[in-house]
Amino acid sequence: MEGAIIIIGLVVFALIISIPFGYARQNFPKYSFMWWVLIHLPIPIIVLLRIKVGLSWHFIPLTLGGSVAGQIIGSAVSRRRKQNAKAA
């Protein structure tokens, strides 16, 4: 049970830490250098934390999924805020 809590916590952490990067990514042209950096910057943080808590490489898809979900949520929030600013 304790292992499941650690795994869920790490996936949620990956999601939360990726939201600001996805938000910022929307302000750069697609496939630009900064766009690429903002996608990949949270990954080393997540990998170091995964290693520190002692999870094997088998959990990479879960943390990667959390990171991708955070990027998608952050970019959606950025787009919605821009649309609301135009409408006001």
PDB file of N, CA and C in Angstrom:
ATOM      1  N   MET A   1       0.819  -1.197   0.000  1.00  0.00           N
ATOM      2  CA  MET A   1       0.000   0.000   0.000  1.00  0.00           C
ATOM      3  C   MET A   1       0.859   1.255   0.000  1.00  0.00           C
ATOM      4  N   GLU A   2       1.932   1.226   0.763  1.00  0.00           N
ATOM      5  CA  GLU A   2       2.819   2.392   0.829  1.00  0.00           C
ATOM      6  C   GLU A   2       3.470   2.664  -0.524  1.00  0.00           C
ATOM      7  N   GLY A   3       3.806   1.603  -1.257  1.00  0.00           N
ATOM      8  CA  GLY A   3       4.395   1.761  -2.582  1.00  0.00           C
ATOM      9  C   GLY A   3       3.438   2.408  -3.565  1.00  0.00           C
ATOM     10  N   ALA A   4       2.154   2.058  -3.459  1.00  0.00           N
ATOM     11  CA  ALA A   4       1.153   2.656  -4.345  1.00  0.00           C
ATOM     12  C   ALA A   4       1.001   4.139  -4.071  1.00  0.00           C
ATOM     13  N   ILE A   5       1.086   4.535  -2.812  1.00  0.00           N
ATOM     14  CA  ILE A   5       0.979   5.954  -2.463  1.00  0.00           C
ATOM     15  C   ILE A   5       2.168   6.726  -3.031  1.00  0.00           C
ATOM     16  N   ILE A   6       3.340   6.141  -2.973  1.00  0.00           N
ATOM     17  CA  ILE A   6       4.536   6.791  -3.532  1.00  0.00           C
ATOM     18  C   ILE A   6       4.397   6.945  -5.042  1.00  0.00           C
ATOM     19  N   ILE A   7       3.927   5.913  -5.710  1.00  0.00           N
ATOM     20  CA  ILE A   7       3.761   5.956  -7.171  1.00  0.00           C
ATOM     21  C   ILE A   7       2.735   7.018  -7.559  1.00  0.00           C
ATOM     22  N   ILE A   8       1.594   7.011  -6.884  1.00  0.00           N
ATOM     23  CA  ILE A   8       0.549   7.999  -7.183  1.00  0.00           C
ATOM     24  C   ILE A   8       1.062   9.406  -6.894  1.00  0.00           C
ATOM     25  N   GLY A   9       1.769   9.562  -5.796  1.00  0.00           N
ATOM     26  CA  GLY A   9       2.323  10.869  -5.454  1.00  0.00           C
ATOM     27  C   GLY A   9       3.305  11.364  -6.501  1.00  0.00           C
ATOM     28  N   LEU A  10       4.135  10.473  -7.018  1.00  0.00           N
ATOM     29  CA  LEU A  10       5.105  10.870  -8.035  1.00  0.00           C
ATOM     30  C   LEU A  10       4.416  11.238  -9.346  1.00  0.00           C
ATOM     31  N   VAL A  11       3.388  10.508  -9.721  1.00  0.00           N
ATOM     32  CA  VAL A  11       2.644  10.834 -10.943  1.00  0.00           C
ATOM     33  C   VAL A  11       1.941  12.178 -10.790  1.00  0.00           C
ATOM     34  N   VAL A  12       1.334  12.419  -9.637  1.00  0.00           N
ATOM     35  CA  VAL A  12       0.670  13.704  -9.389  1.00  0.00           C
ATOM     36  C   VAL A  12       1.704  14.828  -9.374  1.00  0.00           C
ATOM     37  N   PHE A  13       2.872  14.589  -8.789  1.00  0.00           N
ATOM     38  CA  PHE A  13       3.941  15.585  -8.797  1.00  0.00           C
ATOM     39  C   PHE A  13       4.374  15.901 -10.224  1.00  0.00           C
ATOM     40  N   ALA A  14       4.515  14.879 -11.048  1.00  0.00           N
ATOM     41  CA  ALA A  14       4.889  15.091 -12.451  1.00  0.00           C
ATOM     42  C   ALA A  14       3.834  15.926 -13.164  1.00  0.00           C
ATOM     43  N   LEU A  15       2.578  15.665 -12.878  1.00  0.00           N
ATOM     44  CA  LEU A  15       1.498  16.440 -13.488  1.00  0.00           C
ATOM     45  C   LEU A  15       1.561  17.898 -13.035  1.00  0.00           C
ATOM     46  N   ILE A  16       1.679  18.118 -11.745  1.00  0.00           N
ATOM     47  CA  ILE A  16       1.663  19.478 -11.197  1.00  0.00           C
ATOM     48  C   ILE A  16       2.869  20.285 -11.649  1.00  0.00           C
ATOM     49  N   ILE A  17       4.043  19.686 -11.665  1.00  0.00           N
ATOM     50  CA  ILE A  17       5.237  20.422 -12.053  1.00  0.00           C
ATOM     51  C   ILE A  17       5.240  20.753 -13.548  1.00  0.00           C
ATOM     52  N   SER A  18       4.518  19.994 -14.353  1.00  0.00           N
ATOM     53  CA  SER A  18       4.499  20.230 -15.798  1.00  0.00           C
ATOM     54  C   SER A  18       3.473  21.271 -16.236  1.00  0.00           C
ATOM     55  N   ILE A  19       2.509  21.585 -15.398  1.00  0.00           N
ATOM     56  CA  ILE A  19       1.475  22.557 -15.774  1.00  0.00           C
ATOM     57  C   ILE A  19       2.071  23.929 -16.104  1.00  0.00           C
ATOM     58  N   PRO A  20       2.950  24.504 -15.273  1.00  0.00           N
ATOM     59  CA  PRO A  20       3.505  25.824 -15.631  1.00  0.00           C
ATOM     60  C   PRO A  20       4.338  25.797 -16.916  1.00  0.00           C
ATOM     61  N   PHE A  21       5.007  24.691 -17.168  1.00  0.00           N
ATOM     62  CA  PHE A  21       5.813  24.582 -18.386  1.00  0.00           C
ATOM     63  C   PHE A  21       4.914  24.512 -19.620  1.00  0.00           C
ATOM     64  N   GLY A  22       3.790  23.807 -19.514  1.00  0.00           N
ATOM     65  CA  GLY A  22       2.838  23.769 -20.614  1.00  0.00           C
ATOM     66  C   GLY A  22       2.196  25.123 -20.845  1.00  0.00           C
ATOM     67  N   TYR A  23       1.940  25.847 -19.762  1.00  0.00           N
ATOM     68  CA  TYR A  23       1.368  27.192 -19.859  1.00  0.00           C
ATOM     69  C   TYR A  23       2.341  28.118 -20.594  1.00  0.00           C
ATOM     70  N   ALA A  24       3.604  28.091 -20.199  1.00  0.00           N
ATOM     71  CA  ALA A  24       4.614  28.958 -20.819  1.00  0.00           C
ATOM     72  C   ALA A  24       4.890  28.551 -22.266  1.00  0.00           C
ATOM     73  N   ARG A  25       4.786  27.276 -22.550  1.00  0.00           N
ATOM     74  CA  ARG A  25       5.076  26.757 -23.891  1.00  0.00           C
ATOM     75  C   ARG A  25       4.147  27.357 -24.938  1.00  0.00           C
ATOM     76  N   GLN A  26       2.927  27.716 -24.537  1.00  0.00           N
ATOM     77  CA  GLN A  26       1.969  28.275 -25.490  1.00  0.00           C
ATOM     78  C   GLN A  26       2.397  29.635 -26.034  1.00  0.00           C
ATOM     79  N   ASN A  27       3.344  30.291 -25.374  1.00  0.00           N
ATOM     80  CA  ASN A  27       3.782  31.626 -25.794  1.00  0.00           C
ATOM     81  C   ASN A  27       4.923  31.590 -26.801  1.00  0.00           C
ATOM     82  N   PHE A  28       5.330  30.427 -27.230  1.00  0.00           N
ATOM     83  CA  PHE A  28       6.448  30.296 -28.166  1.00  0.00           C
ATOM     84  C   PHE A  28       5.995  29.573 -29.425  1.00  0.00           C
ATOM     85  N   PRO A  29       6.629  29.884 -30.541  1.00  0.00           N
ATOM     86  CA  PRO A  29       6.269  29.195 -31.789  1.00  0.00           C
ATOM     87  C   PRO A  29       6.524  27.688 -31.680  1.00  0.00           C
ATOM     88  N   LYS A  30       5.655  26.925 -32.302  1.00  0.00           N
ATOM     89  CA  LYS A  30       5.781  25.472 -32.268  1.00  0.00           C
ATOM     90  C   LYS A  30       7.109  25.043 -32.896  1.00  0.00           C
ATOM     91  N   TYR A  31       7.776  24.113 -32.252  1.00  0.00           N
ATOM     92  CA  TYR A  31       9.053  23.526 -32.669  1.00  0.00           C
ATOM     93  C   TYR A  31      10.227  24.498 -32.572  1.00  0.00           C
ATOM     94  N   SER A  32      10.060  25.622 -31.872  1.00  0.00           N
ATOM     95  CA  SER A  32      11.202  26.509 -31.641  1.00  0.00           C
ATOM     96  C   SER A  32      12.061  25.914 -30.531  1.00  0.00           C
ATOM     97  N   PHE A  33      13.238  26.479 -30.334  1.00  0.00           N
ATOM     98  CA  PHE A  33      14.147  25.959 -29.318  1.00  0.00           C
ATOM     99  C   PHE A  33      13.524  26.061 -27.926  1.00  0.00           C
ATOM    100  N   MET A  34      12.940  27.206 -27.593  1.00  0.00           N
ATOM    101  CA  MET A  34      12.362  27.392 -26.266  1.00  0.00           C
ATOM    102  C   MET A  34      11.143  26.493 -26.062  1.00  0.00           C
ATOM    103  N   TRP A  35      10.357  26.266 -27.096  1.00  0.00           N
ATOM    104  CA  TRP A  35       9.219  25.350 -27.032  1.00  0.00           C
ATOM    105  C   TRP A  35       9.722  23.949 -26.651  1.00  0.00           C
ATOM    106  N   TRP A  36      10.809  23.532 -27.292  1.00  0.00           N
ATOM    107  CA  TRP A  36      11.397  22.218 -27.024  1.00  0.00           C
ATOM    108  C   TRP A  36      11.938  22.141 -25.592  1.00  0.00           C
ATOM    109  N   VAL A  37      12.597  23.217 -25.151  1.00  0.00           N
ATOM    110  CA  VAL A  37      13.159  23.249 -23.794  1.00  0.00           C
ATOM    111  C   VAL A  37      12.055  23.140 -22.752  1.00  0.00           C
ATOM    112  N   LEU A  38      10.965  23.874 -22.946  1.00  0.00           N
ATOM    113  CA  LEU A  38       9.875  23.853 -21.969  1.00  0.00           C
ATOM    114  C   LEU A  38       9.177  22.499 -21.893  1.00  0.00           C
ATOM    115  N   ILE A  39       9.207  21.744 -22.966  1.00  0.00           N
ATOM    116  CA  ILE A  39       8.645  20.395 -22.918  1.00  0.00           C
ATOM    117  C   ILE A  39       9.551  19.461 -22.117  1.00  0.00           C
ATOM    118  N   HIS A  40      10.857  19.576 -22.312  1.00  0.00           N
ATOM    119  CA  HIS A  40      11.796  18.617 -21.729  1.00  0.00           C
ATOM    120  C   HIS A  40      12.378  19.022 -20.375  1.00  0.00           C
ATOM    121  N   LEU A  41      12.240  20.266 -19.965  1.00  0.00           N
ATOM    122  CA  LEU A  41      12.858  20.721 -18.722  1.00  0.00           C
ATOM    123  C   LEU A  41      12.366  20.005 -17.464  1.00  0.00           C
ATOM    124  N   PRO A  42      11.080  19.690 -17.309  1.00  0.00           N
ATOM    125  CA  PRO A  42      10.671  19.009 -16.077  1.00  0.00           C
ATOM    126  C   PRO A  42      11.110  17.541 -16.001  1.00  0.00           C
ATOM    127  N   ILE A  43      11.498  16.950 -17.102  1.00  0.00           N
ATOM    128  CA  ILE A  43      11.825  15.512 -17.115  1.00  0.00           C
ATOM    129  C   ILE A  43      12.995  15.159 -16.188  1.00  0.00           C
ATOM    130  N   PRO A  44      14.133  15.887 -16.212  1.00  0.00           N
ATOM    131  CA  PRO A  44      15.216  15.519 -15.288  1.00  0.00           C
ATOM    132  C   PRO A  44      14.817  15.615 -13.817  1.00  0.00           C
ATOM    133  N   ILE A  45      13.968  16.567 -13.482  1.00  0.00           N
ATOM    134  CA  ILE A  45      13.496  16.695 -12.103  1.00  0.00           C
ATOM    135  C   ILE A  45      12.693  15.460 -11.708  1.00  0.00           C
ATOM    136  N   ILE A  46      11.829  15.034 -12.592  1.00  0.00           N
ATOM    137  CA  ILE A  46      10.991  13.867 -12.320  1.00  0.00           C
ATOM    138  C   ILE A  46      11.847  12.600 -12.240  1.00  0.00           C
ATOM    139  N   VAL A  47      12.820  12.478 -13.135  1.00  0.00           N
ATOM    140  CA  VAL A  47      13.703  11.299 -13.129  1.00  0.00           C
ATOM    141  C   VAL A  47      14.512  11.240 -11.837  1.00  0.00           C
ATOM    142  N   LEU A  48      15.069  12.380 -11.418  1.00  0.00           N
ATOM    143  CA  LEU A  48      15.848  12.392 -10.174  1.00  0.00           C
ATOM    144  C   LEU A  48      14.986  12.021  -8.974  1.00  0.00           C
ATOM    145  N   LEU A  49      13.772  12.515  -8.939  1.00  0.00           N
ATOM    146  CA  LEU A  49      12.881  12.169  -7.836  1.00  0.00           C
ATOM    147  C   LEU A  49      12.503  10.694  -7.882  1.00  0.00           C
ATOM    148  N   ARG A  50      12.261  10.166  -9.079  1.00  0.00           N
ATOM    149  CA  ARG A  50      11.927   8.743  -9.210  1.00  0.00           C
ATOM    150  C   ARG A  50      13.076   7.879  -8.702  1.00  0.00           C
ATOM    151  N   ILE A  51      14.298   8.254  -9.038  1.00  0.00           N
ATOM    152  CA  ILE A  51      15.463   7.495  -8.574  1.00  0.00           C
ATOM    153  C   ILE A  51      15.631   7.632  -7.064  1.00  0.00           C
ATOM    154  N   LYS A  52      15.403   8.851  -6.546  1.00  0.00           N
ATOM    155  CA  LYS A  52      15.574   9.098  -5.113  1.00  0.00           C
ATOM    156  C   LYS A  52      14.601   8.282  -4.266  1.00  0.00           C
ATOM    157  N   VAL A  53      13.375   8.107  -4.740  1.00  0.00           N
ATOM    158  CA  VAL A  53      12.407   7.315  -3.969  1.00  0.00           C
ATOM    159  C   VAL A  53      12.570   5.823  -4.208  1.00  0.00           C
ATOM    160  N   GLY A  54      13.424   5.453  -5.157  1.00  0.00           N
ATOM    161  CA  GLY A  54      13.746   4.049  -5.354  1.00  0.00           C
ATOM    162  C   GLY A  54      12.839   3.294  -6.310  1.00  0.00           C
ATOM    163  N   LEU A  55      12.169   3.996  -7.210  1.00  0.00           N
ATOM    164  CA  LEU A  55      11.322   3.315  -8.186  1.00  0.00           C
ATOM    165  C   LEU A  55      12.155   2.892  -9.390  1.00  0.00           C
ATOM    166  N   SER A  56      11.850   1.744  -9.938  1.00  0.00           N
ATOM    167  CA  SER A  56      12.595   1.224 -11.084  1.00  0.00           C
ATOM    168  C   SER A  56      12.147   1.915 -12.367  1.00  0.00           C
ATOM    169  N   TRP A  57      12.782   1.560 -13.452  1.00  0.00           N
ATOM    170  CA  TRP A  57      12.481   2.166 -14.748  1.00  0.00           C
ATOM    171  C   TRP A  57      11.111   1.744 -15.264  1.00  0.00           C
ATOM    172  N   HIS A  58      10.513   0.742 -14.650  1.00  0.00           N
ATOM    173  CA  HIS A  58       9.191   0.270 -15.075  1.00  0.00           C
ATOM    174  C   HIS A  58       8.093   1.318 -14.888  1.00  0.00           C
ATOM    175  N   PHE A  59       8.357   2.314 -14.053  1.00  0.00           N
ATOM    176  CA  PHE A  59       7.352   3.332 -13.763  1.00  0.00           C
ATOM    177  C   PHE A  59       7.519   4.582 -14.622  1.00  0.00           C
ATOM    178  N   ILE A  60       8.446   4.552 -15.555  1.00  0.00           N
ATOM    179  CA  ILE A  60       8.653   5.694 -16.447  1.00  0.00           C
ATOM    180  C   ILE A  60       7.386   6.028 -17.238  1.00  0.00           C
ATOM    181  N   PRO A  61       6.648   5.062 -17.802  1.00  0.00           N
ATOM    182  CA  PRO A  61       5.433   5.428 -18.553  1.00  0.00           C
ATOM    183  C   PRO A  61       4.394   6.170 -17.700  1.00  0.00           C
ATOM    184  N   LEU A  62       4.283   5.812 -16.426  1.00  0.00           N
ATOM    185  CA  LEU A  62       3.324   6.492 -15.558  1.00  0.00           C
ATOM    186  C   LEU A  62       3.727   7.947 -15.317  1.00  0.00           C
ATOM    187  N   THR A  63       4.999   8.163 -15.001  1.00  0.00           N
ATOM    188  CA  THR A  63       5.449   9.534 -14.751  1.00  0.00           C
ATOM    189  C   THR A  63       5.454  10.355 -16.038  1.00  0.00           C
ATOM    190  N   LEU A  64       5.774   9.723 -17.142  1.00  0.00           N
ATOM    191  CA  LEU A  64       5.731  10.414 -18.427  1.00  0.00           C
ATOM    192  C   LEU A  64       4.294  10.802 -18.776  1.00  0.00           C
ATOM    193  N   GLY A  65       3.367   9.920 -18.502  1.00  0.00           N
ATOM    194  CA  GLY A  65       1.953  10.231 -18.723  1.00  0.00           C
ATOM    195  C   GLY A  65       1.493  11.400 -17.865  1.00  0.00           C
ATOM    196  N   GLY A  66       1.933  11.437 -16.610  1.00  0.00           N
ATOM    197  CA  GLY A  66       1.593  12.568 -15.748  1.00  0.00           C
ATOM    198  C   GLY A  66       2.180  13.866 -16.271  1.00  0.00           C
ATOM    199  N   SER A  67       3.399  13.797 -16.777  1.00  0.00           N
ATOM    200  CA  SER A  67       4.046  14.987 -17.322  1.00  0.00           C
ATOM    201  C   SER A  67       3.340  15.480 -18.579  1.00  0.00           C
ATOM    202  N   VAL A  68       2.970  14.571 -19.458  1.00  0.00           N
ATOM    203  CA  VAL A  68       2.253  14.942 -20.684  1.00  0.00           C
ATOM    204  C   VAL A  68       0.892  15.542 -20.332  1.00  0.00           C
ATOM    205  N   ALA A  69       0.203  14.958 -19.375  1.00  0.00           N
ATOM    206  CA  ALA A  69      -1.091  15.493 -18.955  1.00  0.00           C
ATOM    207  C   ALA A  69      -0.939  16.909 -18.394  1.00  0.00           C
ATOM    208  N   GLY A  70       0.122  17.145 -17.632  1.00  0.00           N
ATOM    209  CA  GLY A  70       0.374  18.480 -17.109  1.00  0.00           C
ATOM    210  C   GLY A  70       0.648  19.486 -18.207  1.00  0.00           C
ATOM    211  N   GLN A  71       1.400  19.071 -19.221  1.00  0.00           N
ATOM    212  CA  GLN A  71       1.667  19.949 -20.361  1.00  0.00           C
ATOM    213  C   GLN A  71       0.365  20.300 -21.082  1.00  0.00           C
ATOM    214  N   ILE A  72      -0.496  19.319 -21.277  1.00  0.00           N
ATOM    215  CA  ILE A  72      -1.767  19.544 -21.969  1.00  0.00           C
ATOM    216  C   ILE A  72      -2.665  20.464 -21.154  1.00  0.00           C
ATOM    217  N   ILE A  73      -2.747  20.240 -19.852  1.00  0.00           N
ATOM    218  CA  ILE A  73      -3.578  21.091 -18.996  1.00  0.00           C
ATOM    219  C   ILE A  73      -3.054  22.526 -19.001  1.00  0.00           C
ATOM    220  N   GLY A  74      -1.742  22.691 -18.860  1.00  0.00           N
ATOM    221  CA  GLY A  74      -1.161  24.027 -18.854  1.00  0.00           C
ATOM    222  C   GLY A  74      -1.392  24.778 -20.149  1.00  0.00           C
ATOM    223  N   SER A  75      -1.241  24.096 -21.274  1.00  0.00           N
ATOM    224  CA  SER A  75      -1.459  24.764 -22.557  1.00  0.00           C
ATOM    225  C   SER A  75      -2.933  25.096 -22.757  1.00  0.00           C
ATOM    226  N   ALA A  76      -3.831  24.238 -22.275  1.00  0.00           N
ATOM    227  CA  ALA A  76      -5.269  24.515 -22.394  1.00  0.00           C
ATOM    228  C   ALA A  76      -5.654  25.725 -21.543  1.00  0.00           C
ATOM    229  N   VAL A  77      -5.094  25.833 -20.356  1.00  0.00           N
ATOM    230  CA  VAL A  77      -5.364  26.990 -19.499  1.00  0.00           C
ATOM    231  C   VAL A  77      -4.866  28.266 -20.168  1.00  0.00           C
ATOM    232  N   SER A  78      -3.680  28.212 -20.763  1.00  0.00           N
ATOM    233  CA  SER A  78      -3.137  29.384 -21.447  1.00  0.00           C
ATOM    234  C   SER A  78      -4.016  29.809 -22.618  1.00  0.00           C
ATOM    235  N   ARG A  79      -4.444  28.856 -23.424  1.00  0.00           N
ATOM    236  CA  ARG A  79      -5.315  29.178 -24.556  1.00  0.00           C
ATOM    237  C   ARG A  79      -6.637  29.765 -24.092  1.00  0.00           C
ATOM    238  N   ARG A  80      -7.209  29.189 -23.051  1.00  0.00           N
ATOM    239  CA  ARG A  80      -8.498  29.675 -22.546  1.00  0.00           C
ATOM    240  C   ARG A  80      -8.364  31.089 -21.992  1.00  0.00           C
ATOM    241  N   ARG A  81      -7.274  31.379 -21.300  1.00  0.00           N
ATOM    242  CA  ARG A  81      -7.081  32.733 -20.765  1.00  0.00           C
ATOM    243  C   ARG A  81      -6.924  33.741 -21.887  1.00  0.00           C
ATOM    244  N   LYS A  82      -6.234  33.353 -22.960  1.00  0.00           N
ATOM    245  CA  LYS A  82      -6.082  34.258 -24.095  1.00  0.00           C
ATOM    246  C   LYS A  82      -7.427  34.513 -24.763  1.00  0.00           C
ATOM    247  N   GLN A  83      -8.270  33.474 -24.891  1.00  0.00           N
ATOM    248  CA  GLN A  83      -9.594  33.632 -25.498  1.00  0.00           C
ATOM    249  C   GLN A  83     -10.479  34.532 -24.637  1.00  0.00           C
ATOM    250  N   ASN A  84     -10.409  34.359 -23.329  1.00  0.00           N
ATOM    251  CA  ASN A  84     -11.213  35.187 -22.422  1.00  0.00           C
ATOM    252  C   ASN A  84     -10.749  36.637 -22.441  1.00  0.00           C
ATOM    253  N   ALA A  85      -9.440  36.850 -22.603  1.00  0.00           N
ATOM    254  CA  ALA A  85      -8.927  38.219 -22.671  1.00  0.00           C
ATOM    255  C   ALA A  85      -9.395  38.917 -23.949  1.00  0.00           C
ATOM    256  N   LYS A  86      -9.486  38.178 -25.041  1.00  0.00           N
ATOM    257  CA  LYS A  86      -9.972  38.751 -26.302  1.00  0.00           C
ATOM    258  C   LYS A  86     -11.450  39.062 -26.228  1.00  0.00           C
ATOM    259  N   ALA A  87     -12.225  38.226 -25.536  1.00  0.00           N
ATOM    260  CA  ALA A  87     -13.666  38.410 -25.454  1.00  0.00           C
ATOM    261  C   ALA A  87     -14.043  39.582 -24.545  1.00  0.00           C
ATOM    262  N   ALA A  88     -13.202  39.888 -23.584  1.00  0.00           N
ATOM    263  CA  ALA A  88     -13.529  40.970 -22.626  1.00  0.00           C
ATOM    264  C   ALA A  88     -13.283  42.339 -23.167  1.00  0.00           C
TER     265      ALA A  88
END
